[in-house]
Amino acid sequence: MLTDLALRLSTALAPAPDGAPNTEGHAAIMILFYGGLFAIFYFLLIRPQTKRSKETQVMQADLSKGDSVITSSGIYGSVHKIKDDVVTLQIADNVRVKFQLSAINSRVRESETKKSDE
């Protein structure tokens, strides 16, 4: 695949045969077009997702007992115990459920827990 791309690029950059219409500059424009397209995809899709993933990993690593969290399935609870990659959440009085650490989606702010209690 890479050799095919190199072959196409080298033939595109080669001078046109005698009598052929002048097409110089088209290859450079195509390279700039694809480079710009990649840059757009990188800054709009890849970079934000990577940043969000890193923030989630940092949040999961900083969890401690008593933190209010939301799981990826939408369950609200408070951290009761953390052991390796298993988190025990207390979701109601005397109801504790074990979750994998990666299932913890976000931390809940104090103001959100007060609103949900009302």
PDB file of N, CA and C in Angstrom:
ATOM      1  N   MET A   1       0.829  -1.182   0.000  1.00  0.00           N
ATOM      2  CA  MET A   1       0.000   0.000   0.000  1.00  0.00           C
ATOM      3  C   MET A   1       0.876   1.250   0.000  1.00  0.00           C
ATOM      4  N   LEU A   2       1.902   1.233   0.839  1.00  0.00           N
ATOM      5  CA  LEU A   2       2.786   2.378   0.921  1.00  0.00           C
ATOM      6  C   LEU A   2       3.591   2.532  -0.366  1.00  0.00           C
ATOM      7  N   THR A   3       3.999   1.406  -0.934  1.00  0.00           N
ATOM      8  CA  THR A   3       4.751   1.480  -2.195  1.00  0.00           C
ATOM      9  C   THR A   3       3.854   1.981  -3.321  1.00  0.00           C
ATOM     10  N   ASP A   4       2.587   1.577  -3.298  1.00  0.00           N
ATOM     11  CA  ASP A   4       1.644   2.064  -4.311  1.00  0.00           C
ATOM     12  C   ASP A   4       1.479   3.575  -4.206  1.00  0.00           C
ATOM     13  N   LEU A   5       1.375   4.071  -2.985  1.00  0.00           N
ATOM     14  CA  LEU A   5       1.243   5.510  -2.765  1.00  0.00           C
ATOM     15  C   LEU A   5       2.494   6.243  -3.240  1.00  0.00           C
ATOM     16  N   ALA A   6       3.667   5.688  -2.928  1.00  0.00           N
ATOM     17  CA  ALA A   6       4.917   6.310  -3.368  1.00  0.00           C
ATOM     18  C   ALA A   6       5.019   6.311  -4.885  1.00  0.00           C
ATOM     19  N   LEU A   7       4.593   5.231  -5.530  1.00  0.00           N
ATOM     20  CA  LEU A   7       4.635   5.144  -6.992  1.00  0.00           C
ATOM     21  C   LEU A   7       3.692   6.170  -7.615  1.00  0.00           C
ATOM     22  N   ARG A   8       2.500   6.286  -7.070  1.00  0.00           N
ATOM     23  CA  ARG A   8       1.544   7.268  -7.595  1.00  0.00           C
ATOM     24  C   ARG A   8       2.050   8.702  -7.401  1.00  0.00           C
ATOM     25  N   LEU A   9       2.648   8.955  -6.250  1.00  0.00           N
ATOM     26  CA  LEU A   9       3.178  10.283  -5.983  1.00  0.00           C
ATOM     27  C   LEU A   9       4.325  10.619  -6.928  1.00  0.00           C
ATOM     28  N   SER A  10       5.205   9.654  -7.155  1.00  0.00           N
ATOM     29  CA  SER A  10       6.342   9.924  -8.044  1.00  0.00           C
ATOM     30  C   SER A  10       5.888  10.131  -9.486  1.00  0.00           C
ATOM     31  N   THR A  11       4.870   9.393  -9.932  1.00  0.00           N
ATOM     32  CA  THR A  11       4.368   9.605 -11.293  1.00  0.00           C
ATOM     33  C   THR A  11       3.595  10.908 -11.393  1.00  0.00           C
ATOM     34  N   ALA A  12       2.957  11.311 -10.322  1.00  0.00           N
ATOM     35  CA  ALA A  12       2.226  12.573 -10.346  1.00  0.00           C
ATOM     36  C   ALA A  12       3.180  13.759 -10.380  1.00  0.00           C
ATOM     37  N   LEU A  13       4.326  13.623  -9.752  1.00  0.00           N
ATOM     38  CA  LEU A  13       5.290  14.708  -9.720  1.00  0.00           C
ATOM     39  C   LEU A  13       6.212  14.716 -10.941  1.00  0.00           C
ATOM     40  N   ALA A  14       6.165  13.644 -11.737  1.00  0.00           N
ATOM     41  CA  ALA A  14       7.022  13.571 -12.930  1.00  0.00           C
ATOM     42  C   ALA A  14       6.541  14.574 -13.969  1.00  0.00           C
ATOM     43  N   PRO A  15       7.460  15.087 -14.810  1.00  0.00           N
ATOM     44  CA  PRO A  15       7.046  16.034 -15.848  1.00  0.00           C
ATOM     45  C   PRO A  15       6.158  15.357 -16.892  1.00  0.00           C
ATOM     46  N   ALA A  16       5.270  16.126 -17.482  1.00  0.00           N
ATOM     47  CA  ALA A  16       4.359  15.601 -18.498  1.00  0.00           C
ATOM     48  C   ALA A  16       5.141  15.291 -19.781  1.00  0.00           C
ATOM     49  N   PRO A  17       4.710  14.261 -20.542  1.00  0.00           N
ATOM     50  CA  PRO A  17       5.383  13.970 -21.810  1.00  0.00           C
ATOM     51  C   PRO A  17       5.166  15.101 -22.811  1.00  0.00           C
ATOM     52  N   ASP A  18       5.999  15.124 -23.849  1.00  0.00           N
ATOM     53  CA  ASP A  18       5.886  16.169 -24.868  1.00  0.00           C
ATOM     54  C   ASP A  18       4.508  16.147 -25.523  1.00  0.00           C
ATOM     55  N   GLY A  19       3.934  17.308 -25.684  1.00  0.00           N
ATOM     56  CA  GLY A  19       2.634  17.437 -26.336  1.00  0.00           C
ATOM     57  C   GLY A  19       1.463  17.300 -25.390  1.00  0.00           C
ATOM     58  N   ALA A  20       1.676  16.894 -24.161  1.00  0.00           N
ATOM     59  CA  ALA A  20       0.584  16.743 -23.202  1.00  0.00           C
ATOM     60  C   ALA A  20       0.261  18.112 -22.608  1.00  0.00           C
ATOM     61  N   PRO A  21      -0.974  18.303 -22.193  1.00  0.00           N
ATOM     62  CA  PRO A  21      -1.319  19.592 -21.586  1.00  0.00           C
ATOM     63  C   PRO A  21      -0.539  19.800 -20.282  1.00  0.00           C
ATOM     64  N   ASN A  22      -0.278  21.036 -19.962  1.00  0.00           N
ATOM     65  CA  ASN A  22       0.486  21.383 -18.764  1.00  0.00           C
ATOM     66  C   ASN A  22      -0.377  21.158 -17.528  1.00  0.00           C
ATOM     67  N   THR A  23       0.048  20.241 -16.687  1.00  0.00           N
ATOM     68  CA  THR A  23      -0.685  19.944 -15.445  1.00  0.00           C
ATOM     69  C   THR A  23       0.189  20.153 -14.224  1.00  0.00           C
ATOM     70  N   GLU A  24       1.239  20.935 -14.340  1.00  0.00           N
ATOM     71  CA  GLU A  24       2.139  21.154 -13.206  1.00  0.00           C
ATOM     72  C   GLU A  24       1.392  21.852 -12.079  1.00  0.00           C
ATOM     73  N   GLY A  25       1.702  21.442 -10.879  1.00  0.00           N
ATOM     74  CA  GLY A  25       1.095  22.057  -9.707  1.00  0.00           C
ATOM     75  C   GLY A  25      -0.107  21.308  -9.184  1.00  0.00           C
ATOM     76  N   HIS A  26      -0.710  20.424  -9.986  1.00  0.00           N
ATOM     77  CA  HIS A  26      -1.895  19.700  -9.515  1.00  0.00           C
ATOM     78  C   HIS A  26      -1.546  18.735  -8.386  1.00  0.00           C
ATOM     79  N   ALA A  27      -0.400  18.090  -8.479  1.00  0.00           N
ATOM     80  CA  ALA A  27      -0.001  17.151  -7.425  1.00  0.00           C
ATOM     81  C   ALA A  27       0.230  17.891  -6.117  1.00  0.00           C
ATOM     82  N   ALA A  28       0.876  19.034  -6.181  1.00  0.00           N
ATOM     83  CA  ALA A  28       1.125  19.810  -4.963  1.00  0.00           C
ATOM     84  C   ALA A  28      -0.182  20.273  -4.338  1.00  0.00           C
ATOM     85  N   ILE A  29      -1.123  20.653  -5.174  1.00  0.00           N
ATOM     86  CA  ILE A  29      -2.428  21.082  -4.667  1.00  0.00           C
ATOM     87  C   ILE A  29      -3.147  19.917  -3.999  1.00  0.00           C
ATOM     88  N   MET A  30      -3.060  18.729  -4.584  1.00  0.00           N
ATOM     89  CA  MET A  30      -3.705  17.558  -3.985  1.00  0.00           C
ATOM     90  C   MET A  30      -3.065  17.201  -2.650  1.00  0.00           C
ATOM     91  N   ILE A  31      -1.736  17.306  -2.586  1.00  0.00           N
ATOM     92  CA  ILE A  31      -1.054  17.015  -1.322  1.00  0.00           C
ATOM     93  C   ILE A  31      -1.481  18.015  -0.258  1.00  0.00           C
ATOM     94  N   LEU A  32      -1.573  19.286  -0.615  1.00  0.00           N
ATOM     95  CA  LEU A  32      -2.035  20.300   0.330  1.00  0.00           C
ATOM     96  C   LEU A  32      -3.488  20.060   0.745  1.00  0.00           C
ATOM     97  N   PHE A  33      -4.304  19.653  -0.208  1.00  0.00           N
ATOM     98  CA  PHE A  33      -5.716  19.370   0.084  1.00  0.00           C
ATOM     99  C   PHE A  33      -5.844  18.242   1.102  1.00  0.00           C
ATOM    100  N   TYR A  34      -5.126  17.127   0.854  1.00  0.00           N
ATOM    101  CA  TYR A  34      -5.216  15.995   1.777  1.00  0.00           C
ATOM    102  C   TYR A  34      -4.577  16.323   3.125  1.00  0.00           C
ATOM    103  N   GLY A  35      -3.519  17.097   3.123  1.00  0.00           N
ATOM    104  CA  GLY A  35      -2.921  17.539   4.378  1.00  0.00           C
ATOM    105  C   GLY A  35      -3.877  18.402   5.178  1.00  0.00           C
ATOM    106  N   GLY A  36      -4.562  19.318   4.498  1.00  0.00           N
ATOM    107  CA  GLY A  36      -5.553  20.161   5.166  1.00  0.00           C
ATOM    108  C   GLY A  36      -6.726  19.355   5.681  1.00  0.00           C
ATOM    109  N   LEU A  37      -7.153  18.374   4.893  1.00  0.00           N
ATOM    110  CA  LEU A  37      -8.259  17.504   5.309  1.00  0.00           C
ATOM    111  C   LEU A  37      -7.879  16.727   6.569  1.00  0.00           C
ATOM    112  N   PHE A  38      -6.654  16.207   6.585  1.00  0.00           N
ATOM    113  CA  PHE A  38      -6.186  15.492   7.778  1.00  0.00           C
ATOM    114  C   PHE A  38      -6.131  16.428   8.983  1.00  0.00           C
ATOM    115  N   ALA A  39      -5.666  17.653   8.781  1.00  0.00           N
ATOM    116  CA  ALA A  39      -5.582  18.619   9.880  1.00  0.00           C
ATOM    117  C   ALA A  39      -6.968  18.923  10.448  1.00  0.00           C
ATOM    118  N   ILE A  40      -7.944  19.073   9.568  1.00  0.00           N
ATOM    119  CA  ILE A  40      -9.316  19.334  10.023  1.00  0.00           C
ATOM    120  C   ILE A  40      -9.834  18.161  10.851  1.00  0.00           C
ATOM    121  N   PHE A  41      -9.655  16.931  10.355  1.00  0.00           N
ATOM    122  CA  PHE A  41     -10.093  15.758  11.104  1.00  0.00           C
ATOM    123  C   PHE A  41      -9.372  15.665  12.445  1.00  0.00           C
ATOM    124  N   TYR A  42      -8.083  15.969  12.450  1.00  0.00           N
ATOM    125  CA  TYR A  42      -7.317  15.880  13.685  1.00  0.00           C
ATOM    126  C   TYR A  42      -7.851  16.859  14.726  1.00  0.00           C
ATOM    127  N   PHE A  43      -8.020  18.119  14.336  1.00  0.00           N
ATOM    128  CA  PHE A  43      -8.428  19.130  15.317  1.00  0.00           C
ATOM    129  C   PHE A  43      -9.906  19.055  15.685  1.00  0.00           C
ATOM    130  N   LEU A  44     -10.746  18.503  14.831  1.00  0.00           N
ATOM    131  CA  LEU A  44     -12.175  18.425  15.146  1.00  0.00           C
ATOM    132  C   LEU A  44     -12.596  17.087  15.755  1.00  0.00           C
ATOM    133  N   LEU A  45     -11.873  16.012  15.455  1.00  0.00           N
ATOM    134  CA  LEU A  45     -12.306  14.696  15.931  1.00  0.00           C
ATOM    135  C   LEU A  45     -11.294  14.008  16.841  1.00  0.00           C
ATOM    136  N   ILE A  46     -10.078  13.873  16.387  1.00  0.00           N
ATOM    137  CA  ILE A  46      -9.106  13.055  17.101  1.00  0.00           C
ATOM    138  C   ILE A  46      -8.622  13.730  18.382  1.00  0.00           C
ATOM    139  N   ARG A  47      -8.207  14.968  18.298  1.00  0.00           N
ATOM    140  CA  ARG A  47      -7.639  15.676  19.461  1.00  0.00           C
ATOM    141  C   ARG A  47      -8.640  15.843  20.606  1.00  0.00           C
ATOM    142  N   PRO A  48      -9.879  16.276  20.353  1.00  0.00           N
ATOM    143  CA  PRO A  48     -10.828  16.397  21.473  1.00  0.00           C
ATOM    144  C   PRO A  48     -11.127  15.061  22.148  1.00  0.00           C
ATOM    145  N   GLN A  49     -11.223  13.987  21.358  1.00  0.00           N
ATOM    146  CA  GLN A  49     -11.498  12.676  21.946  1.00  0.00           C
ATOM    147  C   GLN A  49     -10.333  12.216  22.817  1.00  0.00           C
ATOM    148  N   THR A  50      -9.117  12.437  22.371  1.00  0.00           N
ATOM    149  CA  THR A  50      -7.942  12.067  23.147  1.00  0.00           C
ATOM    150  C   THR A  50      -7.882  12.866  24.448  1.00  0.00           C
ATOM    151  N   LYS A  51      -8.183  14.150  24.356  1.00  0.00           N
ATOM    152  CA  LYS A  51      -8.172  15.014  25.537  1.00  0.00           C
ATOM    153  C   LYS A  51      -9.228  14.563  26.547  1.00  0.00           C
ATOM    154  N   ARG A  52     -10.432  14.252  26.065  1.00  0.00           N
ATOM    155  CA  ARG A  52     -11.514  13.789  26.938  1.00  0.00           C
ATOM    156  C   ARG A  52     -11.148  12.466  27.611  1.00  0.00           C
ATOM    157  N   SER A  53     -10.518  11.587  26.860  1.00  0.00           N
ATOM    158  CA  SER A  53     -10.109  10.294  27.398  1.00  0.00           C
ATOM    159  C   SER A  53      -9.069  10.461  28.501  1.00  0.00           C
ATOM    160  N   LYS A  54      -8.105  11.334  28.301  1.00  0.00           N
ATOM    161  CA  LYS A  54      -7.083  11.575  29.321  1.00  0.00           C
ATOM    162  C   LYS A  54      -7.705  12.169  30.584  1.00  0.00           C
ATOM    163  N   GLU A  55      -8.644  13.105  30.423  1.00  0.00           N
ATOM    164  CA  GLU A  55      -9.311  13.712  31.578  1.00  0.00           C
ATOM    165  C   GLU A  55     -10.089  12.665  32.372  1.00  0.00           C
ATOM    166  N   THR A  56     -10.744  11.741  31.683  1.00  0.00           N
ATOM    167  CA  THR A  56     -11.500  10.685  32.348  1.00  0.00           C
ATOM    168  C   THR A  56     -10.566   9.755  33.107  1.00  0.00           C
ATOM    169  N   GLN A  57      -9.434   9.405  32.514  1.00  0.00           N
ATOM    170  CA  GLN A  57      -8.472   8.535  33.191  1.00  0.00           C
ATOM    171  C   GLN A  57      -7.907   9.204  34.444  1.00  0.00           C
ATOM    172  N   VAL A  58      -7.621  10.495  34.374  1.00  0.00           N
ATOM    173  CA  VAL A  58      -7.124  11.223  35.544  1.00  0.00           C
ATOM    174  C   VAL A  58      -8.185  11.256  36.632  1.00  0.00           C
ATOM    175  N   MET A  59      -9.445  11.507  36.247  1.00  0.00           N
ATOM    176  CA  MET A  59     -10.544  11.541  37.224  1.00  0.00           C
ATOM    177  C   MET A  59     -10.694  10.175  37.889  1.00  0.00           C
ATOM    178  N   GLN A  60     -10.627   9.090  37.104  1.00  0.00           N
ATOM    179  CA  GLN A  60     -10.771   7.749  37.661  1.00  0.00           C
ATOM    180  C   GLN A  60      -9.616   7.414  38.606  1.00  0.00           C
ATOM    181  N   ALA A  61      -8.422   7.874  38.290  1.00  0.00           N
ATOM    182  CA  ALA A  61      -7.269   7.611  39.149  1.00  0.00           C
ATOM    183  C   ALA A  61      -7.355   8.399  40.454  1.00  0.00           C
ATOM    184  N   ASP A  62      -8.031   9.553  40.455  1.00  0.00           N
ATOM    185  CA  ASP A  62      -8.124  10.408  41.636  1.00  0.00           C
ATOM    186  C   ASP A  62      -9.353  10.137  42.504  1.00  0.00           C
ATOM    187  N   LEU A  63     -10.135   9.114  42.171  1.00  0.00           N
ATOM    188  CA  LEU A  63     -11.331   8.831  42.972  1.00  0.00           C
ATOM    189  C   LEU A  63     -10.940   8.432  44.397  1.00  0.00           C
ATOM    190  N   SER A  64     -11.768   8.850  45.326  1.00  0.00           N
ATOM    191  CA  SER A  64     -11.543   8.460  46.714  1.00  0.00           C
ATOM    192  C   SER A  64     -12.889   8.163  47.368  1.00  0.00           C
ATOM    193  N   LYS A  65     -12.832   7.569  48.542  1.00  0.00           N
ATOM    194  CA  LYS A  65     -14.038   7.185  49.257  1.00  0.00           C
ATOM    195  C   LYS A  65     -14.895   8.414  49.537  1.00  0.00           C
ATOM    196  N   GLY A  66     -16.188   8.302  49.275  1.00  0.00           N
ATOM    197  CA  GLY A  66     -17.113   9.392  49.535  1.00  0.00           C
ATOM    198  C   GLY A  66     -17.429  10.252  48.326  1.00  0.00           C
ATOM    199  N   ASP A  67     -16.677  10.114  47.237  1.00  0.00           N
ATOM    200  CA  ASP A  67     -16.955  10.898  46.025  1.00  0.00           C
ATOM    201  C   ASP A  67     -18.280  10.465  45.401  1.00  0.00           C
ATOM    202  N   SER A  68     -19.067  11.431  44.961  1.00  0.00           N
ATOM    203  CA  SER A  68     -20.300  11.135  44.235  1.00  0.00           C
ATOM    204  C   SER A  68     -19.966  11.038  42.756  1.00  0.00           C
ATOM    205  N   VAL A  69     -20.430   9.954  42.115  1.00  0.00           N
ATOM    206  CA  VAL A  69     -20.077   9.696  40.718  1.00  0.00           C
ATOM    207  C   VAL A  69     -21.301   9.246  39.933  1.00  0.00           C
ATOM    208  N   ILE A  70     -21.135   9.258  38.614  1.00  0.00           N
ATOM    209  CA  ILE A  70     -22.131   8.717  37.695  1.00  0.00           C
ATOM    210  C   ILE A  70     -21.432   7.638  36.876  1.00  0.00           C
ATOM    211  N   THR A  71     -22.065   6.486  36.737  1.00  0.00           N
ATOM    212  CA  THR A  71     -21.491   5.420  35.928  1.00  0.00           C
ATOM    213  C   THR A  71     -21.868   5.627  34.468  1.00  0.00           C
ATOM    214  N   SER A  72     -21.254   4.845  33.595  1.00  0.00           N
ATOM    215  CA  SER A  72     -21.561   4.949  32.171  1.00  0.00           C
ATOM    216  C   SER A  72     -22.984   4.502  31.867  1.00  0.00           C
ATOM    217  N   SER A  73     -23.591   3.744  32.772  1.00  0.00           N
ATOM    218  CA  SER A  73     -24.976   3.324  32.577  1.00  0.00           C
ATOM    219  C   SER A  73     -25.967   4.308  33.194  1.00  0.00           C
ATOM    220  N   GLY A  74     -25.466   5.393  33.808  1.00  0.00           N
ATOM    221  CA  GLY A  74     -26.338   6.439  34.333  1.00  0.00           C
ATOM    222  C   GLY A  74     -26.718   6.278  35.787  1.00  0.00           C
ATOM    223  N   ILE A  75     -26.056   5.405  36.511  1.00  0.00           N
ATOM    224  CA  ILE A  75     -26.366   5.189  37.921  1.00  0.00           C
ATOM    225  C   ILE A  75     -25.566   6.169  38.774  1.00  0.00           C
ATOM    226  N   TYR A  76     -26.276   6.885  39.644  1.00  0.00           N
ATOM    227  CA  TYR A  76     -25.635   7.797  40.583  1.00  0.00           C
ATOM    228  C   TYR A  76     -25.293   7.010  41.843  1.00  0.00           C
ATOM    229  N   GLY A  77     -24.146   7.311  42.429  1.00  0.00           N
ATOM    230  CA  GLY A  77     -23.772   6.657  43.666  1.00  0.00           C
ATOM    231  C   GLY A  77     -22.577   7.336  44.281  1.00  0.00           C
ATOM    232  N   SER A  78     -22.226   6.887  45.485  1.00  0.00           N
ATOM    233  CA  SER A  78     -21.034   7.413  46.133  1.00  0.00           C
ATOM    234  C   SER A  78     -20.054   6.261  46.327  1.00  0.00           C
ATOM    235  N   VAL A  79     -18.782   6.580  46.183  1.00  0.00           N
ATOM    236  CA  VAL A  79     -17.746   5.558  46.269  1.00  0.00           C
ATOM    237  C   VAL A  79     -17.654   5.076  47.711  1.00  0.00           C
ATOM    238  N   HIS A  80     -17.801   3.765  47.876  1.00  0.00           N
ATOM    239  CA  HIS A  80     -17.680   3.165  49.204  1.00  0.00           C
ATOM    240  C   HIS A  80     -16.295   2.554  49.389  1.00  0.00           C
ATOM    241  N   LYS A  81     -15.795   1.883  48.336  1.00  0.00           N
ATOM    242  CA  LYS A  81     -14.503   1.233  48.433  1.00  0.00           C
ATOM    243  C   LYS A  81     -13.898   1.106  47.034  1.00  0.00           C
ATOM    244  N   ILE A  82     -12.579   1.243  46.965  1.00  0.00           N
ATOM    245  CA  ILE A  82     -11.859   1.058  45.701  1.00  0.00           C
ATOM    246  C   ILE A  82     -10.780   0.016  45.940  1.00  0.00           C
ATOM    247  N   LYS A  83     -10.769  -1.011  45.115  1.00  0.00           N
ATOM    248  CA  LYS A  83      -9.730  -2.034  45.205  1.00  0.00           C
ATOM    249  C   LYS A  83      -9.316  -2.402  43.795  1.00  0.00           C
ATOM    250  N   ASP A  84      -8.064  -2.118  43.452  1.00  0.00           N
ATOM    251  CA  ASP A  84      -7.512  -2.349  42.113  1.00  0.00           C
ATOM    252  C   ASP A  84      -8.374  -1.631  41.080  1.00  0.00           C
ATOM    253  N   ASP A  85      -9.048  -2.376  40.202  1.00  0.00           N
ATOM    254  CA  ASP A  85      -9.895  -1.732  39.195  1.00  0.00           C
ATOM    255  C   ASP A  85     -11.374  -2.001  39.453  1.00  0.00           C
ATOM    256  N   VAL A  86     -11.718  -2.331  40.720  1.00  0.00           N
ATOM    257  CA  VAL A  86     -13.113  -2.556  41.101  1.00  0.00           C
ATOM    258  C   VAL A  86     -13.526  -1.476  42.097  1.00  0.00           C
ATOM    259  N   VAL A  87     -14.647  -0.828  41.811  1.00  0.00           N
ATOM    260  CA  VAL A  87     -15.168   0.236  42.672  1.00  0.00           C
ATOM    261  C   VAL A  87     -16.510  -0.223  43.229  1.00  0.00           C
ATOM    262  N   THR A  88     -16.666  -0.132  44.529  1.00  0.00           N
ATOM    263  CA  THR A  88     -17.947  -0.450  45.154  1.00  0.00           C
ATOM    264  C   THR A  88     -18.673   0.860  45.404  1.00  0.00           C
ATOM    265  N   LEU A  89     -19.847   0.980  44.789  1.00  0.00           N
ATOM    266  CA  LEU A  89     -20.654   2.192  44.937  1.00  0.00           C
ATOM    267  C   LEU A  89     -21.837   1.921  45.845  1.00  0.00           C
ATOM    268  N   GLN A  90     -22.147   2.898  46.673  1.00  0.00           N
ATOM    269  CA  GLN A  90     -23.353   2.825  47.476  1.00  0.00           C
ATOM    270  C   GLN A  90     -24.400   3.649  46.745  1.00  0.00           C
ATOM    271  N   ILE A  91     -25.447   2.974  46.228  1.00  0.00           N
ATOM    272  CA  ILE A  91     -26.446   3.673  45.428  1.00  0.00           C
ATOM    273  C   ILE A  91     -27.714   3.987  46.222  1.00  0.00           C
ATOM    274  N   ALA A  92     -27.873   3.353  47.388  1.00  0.00           N
ATOM    275  CA  ALA A  92     -28.996   3.631  48.291  1.00  0.00           C
ATOM    276  C   ALA A  92     -28.567   3.141  49.671  1.00  0.00           C
ATOM    277  N   ASP A  93     -29.426   3.351  50.670  1.00  0.00           N
ATOM    278  CA  ASP A  93     -29.101   2.869  52.007  1.00  0.00           C
ATOM    279  C   ASP A  93     -28.948   1.353  51.972  1.00  0.00           C
ATOM    280  N   ASN A  94     -27.798   0.869  52.446  1.00  0.00           N
ATOM    281  CA  ASN A  94     -27.482  -0.563  52.509  1.00  0.00           C
ATOM    282  C   ASN A  94     -27.523  -1.267  51.150  1.00  0.00           C
ATOM    283  N   VAL A  95     -27.329  -0.526  50.064  1.00  0.00           N
ATOM    284  CA  VAL A  95     -27.266  -1.129  48.718  1.00  0.00           C
ATOM    285  C   VAL A  95     -25.926  -0.740  48.108  1.00  0.00           C
ATOM    286  N   ARG A  96     -25.082  -1.747  47.956  1.00  0.00           N
ATOM    287  CA  ARG A  96     -23.762  -1.510  47.380  1.00  0.00           C
ATOM    288  C   ARG A  96     -23.599  -2.392  46.148  1.00  0.00           C
ATOM    289  N   VAL A  97     -23.054  -1.783  45.103  1.00  0.00           N
ATOM    290  CA  VAL A  97     -22.886  -2.476  43.827  1.00  0.00           C
ATOM    291  C   VAL A  97     -21.439  -2.312  43.378  1.00  0.00           C
ATOM    292  N   LYS A  98     -20.867  -3.407  42.844  1.00  0.00           N
ATOM    293  CA  LYS A  98     -19.496  -3.343  42.351  1.00  0.00           C
ATOM    294  C   LYS A  98     -19.498  -2.995  40.864  1.00  0.00           C
ATOM    295  N   PHE A  99     -18.583  -2.100  40.496  1.00  0.00           N
ATOM    296  CA  PHE A  99     -18.404  -1.682  39.108  1.00  0.00           C
ATOM    297  C   PHE A  99     -16.925  -1.740  38.759  1.00  0.00           C
ATOM    298  N   GLN A 100     -16.657  -1.910  37.496  1.00  0.00           N
ATOM    299  CA  GLN A 100     -15.289  -1.789  37.026  1.00  0.00           C
ATOM    300  C   GLN A 100     -14.944  -0.300  37.029  1.00  0.00           C
ATOM    301  N   LEU A 101     -13.703   0.028  37.336  1.00  0.00           N
ATOM    302  CA  LEU A 101     -13.287   1.430  37.427  1.00  0.00           C
ATOM    303  C   LEU A 101     -13.554   2.188  36.131  1.00  0.00           C
ATOM    304  N   SER A 102     -13.379   1.534  34.995  1.00  0.00           N
ATOM    305  CA  SER A 102     -13.597   2.205  33.716  1.00  0.00           C
ATOM    306  C   SER A 102     -15.069   2.532  33.464  1.00  0.00           C
ATOM    307  N   ALA A 103     -15.987   1.976  34.271  1.00  0.00           N
ATOM    308  CA  ALA A 103     -17.403   2.281  34.121  1.00  0.00           C
ATOM    309  C   ALA A 103     -17.789   3.602  34.775  1.00  0.00           C
ATOM    310  N   ILE A 104     -16.888   4.161  35.573  1.00  0.00           N
ATOM    311  CA  ILE A 104     -17.159   5.455  36.205  1.00  0.00           C
ATOM    312  C   ILE A 104     -16.943   6.535  35.155  1.00  0.00           C
ATOM    313  N   ASN A 105     -18.016   7.253  34.857  1.00  0.00           N
ATOM    314  CA  ASN A 105     -18.000   8.215  33.762  1.00  0.00           C
ATOM    315  C   ASN A 105     -17.583   9.612  34.210  1.00  0.00           C
ATOM    316  N   SER A 106     -18.117  10.067  35.328  1.00  0.00           N
ATOM    317  CA  SER A 106     -17.792  11.417  35.779  1.00  0.00           C
ATOM    318  C   SER A 106     -18.087  11.566  37.262  1.00  0.00           C
ATOM    319  N   ARG A 107     -17.480  12.599  37.821  1.00  0.00           N
ATOM    320  CA  ARG A 107     -17.731  12.972  39.203  1.00  0.00           C
ATOM    321  C   ARG A 107     -18.903  13.936  39.227  1.00  0.00           C
ATOM    322  N   VAL A 108     -19.737  13.842  40.254  1.00  0.00           N
ATOM    323  CA  VAL A 108     -20.888  14.731  40.389  1.00  0.00           C
ATOM    324  C   VAL A 108     -20.510  15.862  41.315  1.00  0.00           C
ATOM    325  N   ARG A 109     -20.844  17.069  40.902  1.00  0.00           N
ATOM    326  CA  ARG A 109     -20.569  18.239  41.753  1.00  0.00           C
ATOM    327  C   ARG A 109     -21.569  18.299  42.889  1.00  0.00           C
ATOM    328  N   GLU A 110     -21.208  18.993  43.921  1.00  0.00           N
ATOM    329  CA  GLU A 110     -22.070  19.116  45.101  1.00  0.00           C
ATOM    330  C   GLU A 110     -23.438  19.689  44.743  1.00  0.00           C
ATOM    331  N   SER A 111     -23.469  20.699  43.853  1.00  0.00           N
ATOM    332  CA  SER A 111     -24.734  21.341  43.502  1.00  0.00           C
ATOM    333  C   SER A 111     -25.658  20.372  42.770  1.00  0.00           C
ATOM    334  N   GLU A 112     -25.100  19.444  41.970  1.00  0.00           N
ATOM    335  CA  GLU A 112     -25.939  18.478  41.256  1.00  0.00           C
ATOM    336  C   GLU A 112     -26.545  17.461  42.217  1.00  0.00           C
ATOM    337  N   THR A 113     -25.801  17.050  43.242  1.00  0.00           N
ATOM    338  CA  THR A 113     -26.347  16.079  44.189  1.00  0.00           C
ATOM    339  C   THR A 113     -27.446  16.702  45.031  1.00  0.00           C
ATOM    340  N   LYS A 114     -27.334  17.983  45.356  1.00  0.00           N
ATOM    341  CA  LYS A 114     -28.384  18.648  46.125  1.00  0.00           C
ATOM    342  C   LYS A 114     -29.666  18.743  45.305  1.00  0.00           C
ATOM    343  N   LYS A 115     -29.534  19.029  43.994  1.00  0.00           N
ATOM    344  CA  LYS A 115     -30.717  19.126  43.121  1.00  0.00           C
ATOM    345  C   LYS A 115     -31.398  17.769  42.982  1.00  0.00           C
ATOM    346  N   SER A 116     -30.620  16.690  42.867  1.00  0.00           N
ATOM    347  CA  SER A 116     -31.206  15.373  42.686  1.00  0.00           C
ATOM    348  C   SER A 116     -31.862  14.868  43.968  1.00  0.00           C
ATOM    349  N   ASP A 117     -31.403  15.347  45.130  1.00  0.00           N
ATOM    350  CA  ASP A 117     -31.997  14.940  46.399  1.00  0.00           C
ATOM    351  C   ASP A 117     -33.358  15.599  46.646  1.00  0.00           C
ATOM    352  N   GLU A 118     -33.596  16.739  45.992  1.00  0.00           N
ATOM    353  CA  GLU A 118     -34.845  17.488  46.231  1.00  0.00           C
ATOM    354  C   GLU A 118     -36.025  16.873  45.565  1.00  0.00           C
TER     355      GLU A 118
END
